[in-house]
Amino acid sequence: GVNLTNFVNIFDPNIIVIGGKISNAWKFFSKSMKKTVKERAYVNKNPIIVKSRLGDAAILGAASLIRK
């Protein structure tokens, strides 16, 4: 949450998509992460934070390169 807050304070995104291996643990950390961002952000206290629908997209990208 703290690292994501730093990102929010620097870049001021409207939407943040969490993907990769960390998205597999979404249900364990998403509430506390969103709370931390809301409490600590200076710029945008309520960016939309969502889990990627693709999960670990890097694996999908690597697989597509192999198929070519």
C-alpha atoms as a PDB file:
ATOM      1  CA  GLY A   1       0.000   0.000   0.000  1.00  0.00           C
ATOM      2  CA  VAL A   2       2.765   2.454   0.881  1.00  0.00           C
ATOM      3  CA  ASN A   3       4.661   1.800  -2.361  1.00  0.00           C
ATOM      4  CA  LEU A   4       1.482   2.164  -4.376  1.00  0.00           C
ATOM      5  CA  THR A   5       0.768   5.443  -2.557  1.00  0.00           C
ATOM      6  CA  ASN A   6       4.195   6.720  -3.625  1.00  0.00           C
ATOM      7  CA  PHE A   7       3.282   5.833  -7.217  1.00  0.00           C
ATOM      8  CA  VAL A   8      -0.057   7.670  -6.873  1.00  0.00           C
ATOM      9  CA  ASN A   9       1.634  10.760  -5.427  1.00  0.00           C
ATOM     10  CA  ILE A  10       4.166  10.907  -8.266  1.00  0.00           C
ATOM     11  CA  PHE A  11       2.021  10.027 -11.298  1.00  0.00           C
ATOM     12  CA  ASP A  12      -1.568  10.875 -10.167  1.00  0.00           C
ATOM     13  CA  PRO A  13      -3.249   8.026 -12.100  1.00  0.00           C
ATOM     14  CA  ASN A  14      -7.020   7.719 -12.346  1.00  0.00           C
ATOM     15  CA  ILE A  15      -6.904   3.925 -12.657  1.00  0.00           C
ATOM     16  CA  ILE A  16      -4.350   1.376 -11.441  1.00  0.00           C
ATOM     17  CA  VAL A  17      -4.439  -2.214 -12.710  1.00  0.00           C
ATOM     18  CA  ILE A  18      -2.662  -4.791 -10.556  1.00  0.00           C
ATOM     19  CA  GLY A  19      -1.458  -7.803 -12.519  1.00  0.00           C
ATOM     20  CA  GLY A  20       1.238 -10.416 -12.500  1.00  0.00           C
ATOM     21  CA  LYS A  21       1.833 -12.926  -9.748  1.00  0.00           C
ATOM     22  CA  ILE A  22       0.783 -10.495  -7.022  1.00  0.00           C
ATOM     23  CA  SER A  23      -2.743 -10.448  -8.449  1.00  0.00           C
ATOM     24  CA  ASN A  24      -3.095 -14.085  -7.353  1.00  0.00           C
ATOM     25  CA  ALA A  25      -3.205 -12.848  -3.734  1.00  0.00           C
ATOM     26  CA  TRP A  26      -5.654 -10.013  -4.470  1.00  0.00           C
ATOM     27  CA  LYS A  27      -8.253 -11.148  -1.935  1.00  0.00           C
ATOM     28  CA  PHE A  28      -5.658 -11.052   0.852  1.00  0.00           C
ATOM     29  CA  PHE A  29      -4.323  -7.514   0.383  1.00  0.00           C
ATOM     30  CA  SER A  30      -6.691  -5.425  -1.730  1.00  0.00           C
ATOM     31  CA  LYS A  31      -8.739  -3.925   1.128  1.00  0.00           C
ATOM     32  CA  SER A  32      -5.720  -2.880   3.189  1.00  0.00           C
ATOM     33  CA  MET A  33      -3.921  -1.576   0.096  1.00  0.00           C
ATOM     34  CA  LYS A  34      -6.873   0.616  -0.903  1.00  0.00           C
ATOM     35  CA  LYS A  35      -7.209   1.876   2.679  1.00  0.00           C
ATOM     36  CA  THR A  36      -3.516   2.789   2.838  1.00  0.00           C
ATOM     37  CA  VAL A  37      -3.707   4.705  -0.449  1.00  0.00           C
ATOM     38  CA  LYS A  38      -6.796   6.584   0.744  1.00  0.00           C
ATOM     39  CA  GLU A  39      -5.109   7.536   4.037  1.00  0.00           C
ATOM     40  CA  ARG A  40      -1.670   8.481   2.685  1.00  0.00           C
ATOM     41  CA  ALA A  41      -2.148   9.873  -0.825  1.00  0.00           C
ATOM     42  CA  TYR A  42      -1.751  13.629  -1.288  1.00  0.00           C
ATOM     43  CA  VAL A  43      -2.953  14.029  -4.842  1.00  0.00           C
ATOM     44  CA  ASN A  44      -5.686  11.517  -5.626  1.00  0.00           C
ATOM     45  CA  LYS A  45      -7.090   9.769  -2.573  1.00  0.00           C
ATOM     46  CA  ASN A  46      -9.459   7.553  -4.547  1.00  0.00           C
ATOM     47  CA  PRO A  47      -7.865   6.163  -7.696  1.00  0.00           C
ATOM     48  CA  ILE A  48      -9.689   3.170  -9.119  1.00  0.00           C
ATOM     49  CA  ILE A  49      -7.604   0.115  -8.211  1.00  0.00           C
ATOM     50  CA  VAL A  50      -8.552  -3.146  -9.911  1.00  0.00           C
ATOM     51  CA  LYS A  51      -7.185  -6.622 -10.467  1.00  0.00           C
ATOM     52  CA  SER A  52      -6.169  -7.429 -14.021  1.00  0.00           C
ATOM     53  CA  ARG A  53      -8.562  -9.740 -15.820  1.00  0.00           C
ATOM     54  CA  LEU A  54      -5.583 -11.365 -17.525  1.00  0.00           C
ATOM     55  CA  GLY A  55      -3.820 -12.346 -14.305  1.00  0.00           C
ATOM     56  CA  ASP A  56      -0.175 -12.929 -15.146  1.00  0.00           C
ATOM     57  CA  ALA A  57      -0.147 -11.239 -18.555  1.00  0.00           C
ATOM     58  CA  ALA A  58       3.643 -11.598 -18.879  1.00  0.00           C
ATOM     59  CA  ILE A  59       3.205 -15.349 -19.241  1.00  0.00           C
ATOM     60  CA  LEU A  60       0.571 -14.807 -21.936  1.00  0.00           C
ATOM     61  CA  GLY A  61       2.908 -12.454 -23.781  1.00  0.00           C
ATOM     62  CA  ALA A  62       5.810 -14.891 -23.565  1.00  0.00           C
ATOM     63  CA  ALA A  63       3.609 -17.718 -24.813  1.00  0.00           C
ATOM     64  CA  SER A  64       2.489 -15.636 -27.792  1.00  0.00           C
ATOM     65  CA  LEU A  65       6.128 -14.948 -28.715  1.00  0.00           C
ATOM     66  CA  ILE A  66       6.933 -18.649 -28.609  1.00  0.00           C
ATOM     67  CA  ARG A  67       4.010 -19.434 -30.911  1.00  0.00           C
ATOM     68  CA  LYS A  68       5.357 -16.999 -33.528  1.00  0.00           C
END
